[in-house]
C-alpha atoms as a PDB file:
ATOM      1  CA  MET A   1      35.873-194.396 -63.179  1.00  0.00           C
ATOM      2  CA  ILE A   2      35.406-194.545 -59.418  1.00  0.00           C
ATOM      3  CA  LYS A   3      31.722-194.921 -58.540  1.00  0.00           C
ATOM      4  CA  LYS A   4      31.618-194.681 -54.736  1.00  0.00           C
ATOM      5  CA  LEU A   5      33.254-195.893 -51.569  1.00  0.00           C
ATOM      6  CA  HIS A   6      32.801-199.626 -50.978  1.00  0.00           C
ATOM      7  CA  HIS A   7      34.550-199.811 -47.581  1.00  0.00           C
ATOM      8  CA  ASN A   8      37.213-198.333 -45.370  1.00  0.00           C
ATOM      9  CA  ALA A   9      39.125-200.854 -43.293  1.00  0.00           C
ATOM     10  CA  TYR A  10      40.828-200.423 -39.923  1.00  0.00           C
ATOM     11  CA  ARG A  11      42.482-202.693 -37.368  1.00  0.00           C
ATOM     12  CA  CYS A  12      40.559-203.744 -34.267  1.00  0.00           C
ATOM     13  CA  ARG A  13      41.634-205.199 -30.922  1.00  0.00           C
ATOM     14  CA  ASP A  14      38.622-207.454 -30.422  1.00  0.00           C
ATOM     15  CA  SER A  15      35.975-208.205 -33.045  1.00  0.00           C
ATOM     16  CA  GLU A  16      33.162-208.654 -30.517  1.00  0.00           C
ATOM     17  CA  GLN A  17      33.889-205.372 -28.702  1.00  0.00           C
ATOM     18  CA  THR A  18      34.026-203.680 -32.090  1.00  0.00           C
ATOM     19  CA  ARG A  19      30.726-205.304 -33.102  1.00  0.00           C
ATOM     20  CA  ALA A  20      29.060-204.149 -29.893  1.00  0.00           C
ATOM     21  CA  PHE A  21      30.082-200.538 -30.574  1.00  0.00           C
ATOM     22  CA  TYR A  22      29.265-200.401 -34.276  1.00  0.00           C
ATOM     23  CA  GLU A  23      26.173-202.632 -34.312  1.00  0.00           C
ATOM     24  CA  ASP A  24      24.620-202.306 -30.845  1.00  0.00           C
ATOM     25  CA  PHE A  25      25.489-198.648 -30.186  1.00  0.00           C
ATOM     26  CA  LEU A  26      25.697-197.036 -33.636  1.00  0.00           C
ATOM     27  CA  GLY A  27      23.161-199.327 -35.304  1.00  0.00           C
ATOM     28  CA  LEU A  28      25.335-200.438 -38.226  1.00  0.00           C
ATOM     29  CA  PRO A  29      24.437-204.072 -38.940  1.00  0.00           C
ATOM     30  CA  LEU A  30      27.173-206.666 -39.163  1.00  0.00           C
ATOM     31  CA  ALA A  31      26.848-207.500 -42.861  1.00  0.00           C
ATOM     32  CA  GLY A  32      29.721-209.849 -43.545  1.00  0.00           C
ATOM     33  CA  THR A  33      32.718-211.672 -42.155  1.00  0.00           C
ATOM     34  CA  LEU A  34      35.734-213.129 -43.856  1.00  0.00           C
ATOM     35  CA  GLU A  35      38.062-215.526 -42.043  1.00  0.00           C
ATOM     36  CA  ILE A  36      41.571-215.390 -43.473  1.00  0.00           C
ATOM     37  CA  GLY A  37      43.777-218.381 -42.728  1.00  0.00           C
ATOM     38  CA  GLU A  38      46.497-217.711 -45.272  1.00  0.00           C
ATOM     39  CA  THR A  39      47.846-214.523 -46.816  1.00  0.00           C
ATOM     40  CA  LYS A  40      48.341-214.113 -50.563  1.00  0.00           C
ATOM     41  CA  THR A  41      52.055-214.728 -49.917  1.00  0.00           C
ATOM     42  CA  GLY A  42      51.290-218.128 -48.333  1.00  0.00           C
ATOM     43  CA  ARG A  43      51.863-217.152 -44.699  1.00  0.00           C
ATOM     44  CA  ARG A  44      49.561-218.947 -42.251  1.00  0.00           C
ATOM     45  CA  THR A  45      47.515-216.520 -40.187  1.00  0.00           C
ATOM     46  CA  ALA A  46      44.273-216.198 -38.237  1.00  0.00           C
ATOM     47  CA  VAL A  47      42.521-212.966 -39.186  1.00  0.00           C
ATOM     48  CA  LEU A  48      38.855-212.001 -39.010  1.00  0.00           C
ATOM     49  CA  HIS A  49      37.627-209.275 -41.389  1.00  0.00           C
ATOM     50  CA  THR A  50      34.218-207.826 -40.435  1.00  0.00           C
ATOM     51  CA  PHE A  51      31.968-205.444 -42.404  1.00  0.00           C
ATOM     52  CA  TYR A  52      29.301-203.073 -41.026  1.00  0.00           C
ATOM     53  CA  ARG A  53      26.772-201.697 -43.544  1.00  0.00           C
ATOM     54  CA  LEU A  54      25.833-198.036 -43.827  1.00  0.00           C
ATOM     55  CA  ASP A  55      22.500-197.005 -45.352  1.00  0.00           C
ATOM     56  CA  ASP A  56      24.131-195.969 -48.643  1.00  0.00           C
ATOM     57  CA  GLY A  57      25.425-199.519 -49.192  1.00  0.00           C
ATOM     58  CA  SER A  58      29.026-198.793 -48.211  1.00  0.00           C
ATOM     59  CA  TYR A  59      30.771-200.450 -45.259  1.00  0.00           C
ATOM     60  CA  LEU A  60      33.102-199.819 -42.372  1.00  0.00           C
ATOM     61  CA  ALA A  61      35.379-202.825 -42.057  1.00  0.00           C
ATOM     62  CA  PHE A  62      37.812-204.078 -39.438  1.00  0.00           C
ATOM     63  CA  PHE A  63      40.630-206.599 -39.272  1.00  0.00           C
ATOM     64  CA  GLU A  64      41.338-208.471 -36.063  1.00  0.00           C
ATOM     65  CA  ALA A  65      44.858-209.771 -36.734  1.00  0.00           C
ATOM     66  CA  PRO A  66      46.366-210.907 -33.425  1.00  0.00           C
ATOM     67  CA  ASP A  67      49.566-212.237 -35.009  1.00  0.00           C
ATOM     68  CA  MET A  68      50.447-208.892 -36.611  1.00  0.00           C
ATOM     69  CA  PRO A  69      51.821-206.041 -34.500  1.00  0.00           C
ATOM     70  CA  PHE A  70      49.787-202.845 -34.444  1.00  0.00           C
ATOM     71  CA  GLU A  71      49.981-199.853 -32.124  1.00  0.00           C
ATOM     72  CA  PHE A  72      46.493-199.177 -30.828  1.00  0.00           C
ATOM     73  CA  LYS A  73      46.321-195.710 -29.341  1.00  0.00           C
ATOM     74  CA  ALA A  74      43.788-193.007 -28.699  1.00  0.00           C
ATOM     75  CA  GLN A  75      43.844-191.174 -32.030  1.00  0.00           C
ATOM     76  CA  HIS A  76      43.706-187.387 -32.212  1.00  0.00           C
ATOM     77  CA  ASP A  77      40.929-185.988 -34.404  1.00  0.00           C
ATOM     78  CA  PHE A  78      43.512-184.473 -36.781  1.00  0.00           C
ATOM     79  CA  ASP A  79      45.283-187.822 -37.188  1.00  0.00           C
ATOM     80  CA  LEU A  80      42.327-190.082 -37.879  1.00  0.00           C
ATOM     81  CA  HIS A  81      38.595-189.884 -37.459  1.00  0.00           C
ATOM     82  CA  ILE A  82      35.616-191.469 -39.148  1.00  0.00           C
ATOM     83  CA  ALA A  83      32.694-189.105 -39.819  1.00  0.00           C
ATOM     84  CA  LEU A  84      29.254-190.604 -40.384  1.00  0.00           C
ATOM     85  CA  GLU A  85      26.207-188.576 -41.432  1.00  0.00           C
ATOM     86  CA  VAL A  86      22.988-188.704 -39.396  1.00  0.00           C
ATOM     87  CA  ASP A  87      19.736-186.748 -39.298  1.00  0.00           C
ATOM     88  CA  PRO A  88      19.832-183.715 -36.941  1.00  0.00           C
ATOM     89  CA  PRO A  89      17.630-185.216 -34.166  1.00  0.00           C
ATOM     90  CA  VAL A  90      19.996-188.174 -33.877  1.00  0.00           C
ATOM     91  CA  LEU A  91      22.799-185.970 -32.500  1.00  0.00           C
ATOM     92  CA  GLU A  92      21.089-185.165 -29.181  1.00  0.00           C
ATOM     93  CA  ALA A  93      19.852-188.739 -28.725  1.00  0.00           C
ATOM     94  CA  LYS A  94      23.224-190.363 -29.474  1.00  0.00           C
ATOM     95  CA  LEU A  95      25.051-187.836 -27.300  1.00  0.00           C
ATOM     96  CA  ALA A  96      22.856-188.821 -24.329  1.00  0.00           C
ATOM     97  CA  ASP A  97      23.070-192.536 -25.216  1.00  0.00           C
ATOM     98  CA  GLY A  98      26.869-192.438 -25.424  1.00  0.00           C
ATOM     99  CA  ARG A  99      27.169-190.712 -22.073  1.00  0.00           C
ATOM    100  CA  ALA A 100      24.700-193.140 -20.463  1.00  0.00           C
ATOM    101  CA  ARG A 101      26.777-196.087 -21.742  1.00  0.00           C
ATOM    102  CA  GLY A 102      30.005-194.588 -20.381  1.00  0.00           C
ATOM    103  CA  ILE A 103      31.484-194.079 -23.861  1.00  0.00           C
ATOM    104  CA  GLU A 104      33.967-191.209 -24.183  1.00  0.00           C
ATOM    105  CA  THR A 105      31.734-188.527 -25.719  1.00  0.00           C
ATOM    106  CA  ARG A 106      32.212-184.895 -26.867  1.00  0.00           C
ATOM    107  CA  GLY A 107      29.989-182.333 -28.524  1.00  0.00           C
ATOM    108  CA  ILE A 108      27.881-180.824 -29.915  1.00  0.00           C
ATOM    109  CA  SER A 109      30.283-178.783 -32.110  1.00  0.00           C
ATOM    110  CA  ASP A 110      28.975-176.328 -34.700  1.00  0.00           C
ATOM    111  CA  HIS A 111      31.307-176.171 -37.707  1.00  0.00           C
ATOM    112  CA  GLY A 112      29.151-173.711 -39.660  1.00  0.00           C
ATOM    113  CA  PHE A 113      28.009-176.212 -42.274  1.00  0.00           C
ATOM    114  CA  ILE A 114      27.595-179.290 -40.017  1.00  0.00           C
ATOM    115  CA  ARG A 115      27.027-180.008 -36.321  1.00  0.00           C
ATOM    116  CA  SER A 116      28.980-182.911 -34.840  1.00  0.00           C
ATOM    117  CA  ILE A 117      29.380-185.147 -31.821  1.00  0.00           C
ATOM    118  CA  TYR A 118      32.369-187.384 -31.161  1.00  0.00           C
ATOM    119  CA  PHE A 119      32.920-190.769 -29.541  1.00  0.00           C
ATOM    120  CA  ARG A 120      35.944-192.960 -28.984  1.00  0.00           C
ATOM    121  CA  ASP A 121      35.462-196.546 -30.161  1.00  0.00           C
ATOM    122  CA  PRO A 122      37.036-199.577 -28.413  1.00  0.00           C
ATOM    123  CA  ASN A 123      40.064-199.370 -30.734  1.00  0.00           C
ATOM    124  CA  GLY A 124      40.921-195.737 -29.954  1.00  0.00           C
ATOM    125  CA  TYR A 125      39.415-194.268 -33.137  1.00  0.00           C
ATOM    126  CA  VAL A 126      37.411-191.052 -33.041  1.00  0.00           C
ATOM    127  CA  ILE A 127      33.937-191.553 -34.503  1.00  0.00           C
ATOM    128  CA  GLU A 128      32.128-188.366 -35.517  1.00  0.00           C
ATOM    129  CA  LEU A 129      28.384-188.274 -36.070  1.00  0.00           C
ATOM    130  CA  THR A 130      27.530-185.250 -38.150  1.00  0.00           C
ATOM    131  CA  ALA A 131      24.314-183.584 -39.298  1.00  0.00           C
ATOM    132  CA  LYS A 132      24.159-181.141 -42.185  1.00  0.00           C
ATOM    133  CA  LEU A 133      23.090-177.551 -41.534  1.00  0.00           C
ATOM    134  CA  PRO A 134      21.243-175.365 -44.028  1.00  0.00           C
ATOM    135  CA  GLY A 135      23.814-174.132 -46.527  1.00  0.00           C
ATOM    136  CA  HIS A 136      25.870-177.348 -46.330  1.00  0.00           C
ATOM    137  CA  ASP A 137      25.776-178.051 -50.055  1.00  0.00           C
ATOM    138  CA  ARG A 138      26.838-174.493 -50.927  1.00  0.00           C
ATOM    139  CA  ALA A 139      29.646-174.640 -48.344  1.00  0.00           C
ATOM    140  CA  MET A 140      30.910-177.844 -49.989  1.00  0.00           C
ATOM    141  CA  ASP A 141      30.557-176.576 -53.578  1.00  0.00           C
ATOM    142  CA  PRO A 142      34.031-175.856 -55.005  1.00  0.00           C
ATOM    143  CA  GLU A 143      32.474-173.513 -57.583  1.00  0.00           C
ATOM    144  CA  VAL A 144      31.617-171.057 -54.785  1.00  0.00           C
ATOM    145  CA  ASN A 145      33.697-171.959 -51.718  1.00  0.00           C
ATOM    146  CA  GLY A 146      37.184-171.223 -53.066  1.00  0.00           C
ATOM    147  CA  ALA A 147      38.576-174.648 -52.087  1.00  0.00           C
ATOM    148  CA  ARG A 148      41.266-174.638 -54.778  1.00  0.00           C
ATOM    149  CA  ALA A 149      42.341-171.051 -54.028  1.00  0.00           C
ATOM    150  CA  THR A 150      42.604-171.881 -50.323  1.00  0.00           C
ATOM    151  CA  LEU A 151      44.743-174.941 -51.066  1.00  0.00           C
ATOM    152  CA  ASP A 152      46.974-172.875 -53.382  1.00  0.00           C
ATOM    153  CA  ARG A 153      47.432-170.190 -50.671  1.00  0.00           C
ATOM    154  CA  TRP A 154      48.245-172.907 -48.124  1.00  0.00           C
ATOM    155  CA  GLN A 155      50.863-174.438 -50.409  1.00  0.00           C
ATOM    156  CA  ALA A 156      52.455-171.055 -51.119  1.00  0.00           C
ATOM    157  CA  ALA A 157      52.641-170.251 -47.385  1.00  0.00           C
ATOM    158  CA  ARG A 158      53.965-173.757 -46.697  1.00  0.00           C
ATOM    159  CA  ALA A 159      56.799-173.226 -49.167  1.00  0.00           C
ATOM    160  CA  ARG A 160      57.807-170.035 -47.306  1.00  0.00           C
ATOM    161  CA  ARG A 161      57.799-171.642 -43.826  1.00  0.00           C
ATOM    162  CA  PRO A 162      61.098-172.793 -42.355  1.00  0.00           C
ATOM    163  CA  ALA A 163      61.660-176.546 -42.396  1.00  0.00           C
ATOM    164  CA  GLY A 164      60.042-178.267 -39.421  1.00  0.00           C
ATOM    165  CA  ALA A 165      57.685-175.362 -38.677  1.00  0.00           C
END
């Protein structure tokens, strides 16, 4: 049985720039590093795997792998974003801090059950800081929110759409 998330891992351009964003700006401590000199298939490499600890004991992790091609690009929110929960007062403070540091910053967006701000990290990933609003737990309760019915309606409509639409 799955207990909880241990870590999500992403590629990074530069481990120190990534550390500065996640540790110095977001406050996630660098908790571990793993230098990889050889892959499980025996290929020589030079990879650094870094781990940043969240308060719940899970981690965001990054691989700096200069010898492996990867297309770094500014991700669109719908393609990839990392959402991290904070207390409500943190949103205003981090929004101002991000702008003062010259970090690409957007927000505050009210999604009805959470409020969010968005940053772009040094690797092009969208980082969302989100604070729960009253009613969050009810909005995320599949017993009352109709999540399955909405997915079923989506799938039925998807089946009726022309290919490529």
